[in-house]
C-alpha atoms as a PDB file:
ATOM      1  CA  MET A   1      83.196  58.534 148.334  1.00  0.00           C
ATOM      2  CA  THR A   2      83.812  59.038 144.629  1.00  0.00           C
ATOM      3  CA  THR A   3      85.453  56.478 142.452  1.00  0.00           C
ATOM      4  CA  GLY A   4      88.276  57.149 140.046  1.00  0.00           C
ATOM      5  CA  ALA A   5      85.897  57.058 137.063  1.00  0.00           C
ATOM      6  CA  GLU A   6      83.558  59.622 138.651  1.00  0.00           C
ATOM      7  CA  ARG A   7      86.523  61.825 139.526  1.00  0.00           C
ATOM      8  CA  GLY A   8      87.790  61.542 135.936  1.00  0.00           C
ATOM      9  CA  GLN A   9      84.370  62.456 134.553  1.00  0.00           C
ATOM     10  CA  GLN A  10      84.202  65.451 136.893  1.00  0.00           C
ATOM     11  CA  LEU A  11      87.670  66.607 135.826  1.00  0.00           C
ATOM     12  CA  PHE A  12      86.692  66.199 132.177  1.00  0.00           C
ATOM     13  CA  ALA A  13      83.468  68.183 132.735  1.00  0.00           C
ATOM     14  CA  ASP A  14      85.450  70.950 134.486  1.00  0.00           C
ATOM     15  CA  LEU A  15      87.978  70.976 131.665  1.00  0.00           C
ATOM     16  CA  LEU A  16      85.202  71.183 129.062  1.00  0.00           C
ATOM     17  CA  GLU A  17      83.564  74.104 130.902  1.00  0.00           C
ATOM     18  CA  THR A  18      86.883  75.916 131.181  1.00  0.00           C
ATOM     19  CA  MET A  19      87.587  75.386 127.491  1.00  0.00           C
ATOM     20  CA  GLN A  20      84.143  76.744 126.565  1.00  0.00           C
ATOM     21  CA  ARG A  21      84.672  79.851 128.712  1.00  0.00           C
ATOM     22  CA  THR A  22      88.117  80.309 127.205  1.00  0.00           C
ATOM     23  CA  THR A  23      86.729  79.949 123.687  1.00  0.00           C
ATOM     24  CA  ALA A  24      84.017  82.535 124.399  1.00  0.00           C
ATOM     25  CA  THR A  25      86.612  84.920 125.835  1.00  0.00           C
ATOM     26  CA  MET A  26      88.895  84.456 122.840  1.00  0.00           C
ATOM     27  CA  GLU A  27      85.991  85.106 120.457  1.00  0.00           C
ATOM     28  CA  ARG A  28      85.136  88.337 122.304  1.00  0.00           C
ATOM     29  CA  LEU A  29      88.793  89.411 122.174  1.00  0.00           C
ATOM     30  CA  ASP A  30      88.919  88.580 118.471  1.00  0.00           C
ATOM     31  CA  ALA A  31      85.833  90.699 117.796  1.00  0.00           C
ATOM     32  CA  GLU A  32      87.267  93.582 119.844  1.00  0.00           C
ATOM     33  CA  GLN A  33      90.574  93.392 117.988  1.00  0.00           C
ATOM     34  CA  LYS A  34      88.762  93.425 114.634  1.00  0.00           C
ATOM     35  CA  ASN A  35      86.845  96.526 115.742  1.00  0.00           C
ATOM     36  CA  GLN A  36      90.083  98.217 116.779  1.00  0.00           C
ATOM     37  CA  CYS A  37      91.691  97.329 113.451  1.00  0.00           C
ATOM     38  CA  ARG A  38      88.675  98.719 111.613  1.00  0.00           C
ATOM     39  CA  THR A  39      88.880 101.936 113.649  1.00  0.00           C
ATOM     40  CA  ILE A  40      92.606 102.278 112.938  1.00  0.00           C
ATOM     41  CA  GLU A  41      92.016 101.611 109.260  1.00  0.00           C
ATOM     42  CA  GLN A  42      89.306 104.278 109.097  1.00  0.00           C
ATOM     43  CA  ALA A  43      91.533 106.780 110.899  1.00  0.00           C
ATOM     44  CA  ALA A  44      94.380 106.027 108.497  1.00  0.00           C
ATOM     45  CA  GLU A  45      92.075 106.552 105.511  1.00  0.00           C
ATOM     46  CA  LYS A  46      90.918 109.896 106.926  1.00  0.00           C
ATOM     47  CA  ALA A  47      94.506 110.983 107.573  1.00  0.00           C
ATOM     48  CA  SER A  48      95.505 109.957 104.064  1.00  0.00           C
ATOM     49  CA  LYS A  49      92.582 111.890 102.585  1.00  0.00           C
ATOM     50  CA  THR A  50      93.498 114.950 104.666  1.00  0.00           C
ATOM     51  CA  ALA A  51      97.119 114.733 103.501  1.00  0.00           C
ATOM     52  CA  GLU A  52      95.998 114.460  99.871  1.00  0.00           C
ATOM     53  CA  ASP A  53      93.708 117.469 100.281  1.00  0.00           C
ATOM     54  CA  ALA A  54      96.487 119.499 101.876  1.00  0.00           C
ATOM     55  CA  ALA A  55      98.907 118.556  99.103  1.00  0.00           C
ATOM     56  CA  GLU A  56      96.385 119.607  96.465  1.00  0.00           C
ATOM     57  CA  ALA A  57      95.694 122.895  98.254  1.00  0.00           C
ATOM     58  CA  PHE A  58      99.403 123.688  98.488  1.00  0.00           C
ATOM     59  CA  ALA A  59      99.969 122.729  94.853  1.00  0.00           C
ATOM     60  CA  VAL A  60      97.220 125.136  93.778  1.00  0.00           C
ATOM     61  CA  SER A  61      98.441 127.997  95.977  1.00  0.00           C
ATOM     62  CA  LYS A  62     102.148 127.584  95.198  1.00  0.00           C
ATOM     63  CA  PRO A  63     102.100 129.627  91.940  1.00  0.00           C
ATOM     64  CA  ARG A  64     100.048 132.326  93.662  1.00  0.00           C
ATOM     65  CA  LEU A  65     102.554 132.409  96.514  1.00  0.00           C
ATOM     66  CA  MET A  66     105.424 132.802  94.073  1.00  0.00           C
ATOM     67  CA  ILE A  67     103.652 135.695  92.335  1.00  0.00           C
ATOM     68  CA  TRP A  68     103.001 137.495  95.632  1.00  0.00           C
ATOM     69  CA  THR A  69     106.617 136.962  96.676  1.00  0.00           C
ATOM     70  CA  ALA A  70     107.852 138.470  93.423  1.00  0.00           C
ATOM     71  CA  LEU A  71     105.495 141.445  93.791  1.00  0.00           C
ATOM     72  CA  CYS A  72     106.617 142.076  97.364  1.00  0.00           C
ATOM     73  CA  ALA A  73     110.275 141.878  96.336  1.00  0.00           C
ATOM     74  CA  ALA A  74     109.677 144.361  93.501  1.00  0.00           C
ATOM     75  CA  LEU A  75     107.838 146.675  95.895  1.00  0.00           C
ATOM     76  CA  LEU A  76     110.723 146.542  98.369  1.00  0.00           C
ATOM     77  CA  VAL A  77     113.269 147.281  95.651  1.00  0.00           C
ATOM     78  CA  CYS A  78     111.225 150.244  94.370  1.00  0.00           C
ATOM     79  CA  ALA A  79     110.751 151.551  97.907  1.00  0.00           C
ATOM     80  CA  GLY A  80     114.489 151.255  98.457  1.00  0.00           C
ATOM     81  CA  TRP A  81     115.204 153.266  95.323  1.00  0.00           C
ATOM     82  CA  LEU A  82     112.702 155.951  96.329  1.00  0.00           C
ATOM     83  CA  ILE A  83     114.107 156.199  99.842  1.00  0.00           C
ATOM     84  CA  GLY A  84     117.643 156.294  98.451  1.00  0.00           C
ATOM     85  CA  TYR A  85     116.684 159.070  96.048  1.00  0.00           C
ATOM     86  CA  TRP A  86     114.858 160.960  98.810  1.00  0.00           C
ATOM     87  CA  VAL A  87     117.788 160.644 101.253  1.00  0.00           C
ATOM     88  CA  GLY A  88     120.179 161.677  98.433  1.00  0.00           C
ATOM     89  CA  LEU A  89     118.276 164.939  98.016  1.00  0.00           C
ATOM     90  CA  TRP A  90     118.921 166.031 101.549  1.00  0.00           C
END
């Protein structure tokens, strides 16, 4: 039969083992969370870089787009005048 002191020592040893396992688990979870944060941070940096690249590409092509729009509008107006003149001849 165990005495109270032996039982107390056994409980303390069990508690110490449980605390060590818990500490190891928490350290693993901490490392995993840091890895996830690093992954999220890298993904955010890539998304930011992609957004910056897209903004630069649109800024460069915007004047070109405006020129093409103006040319197409002028072409449509001229075509309308020609068709109007042609229909007026009939």
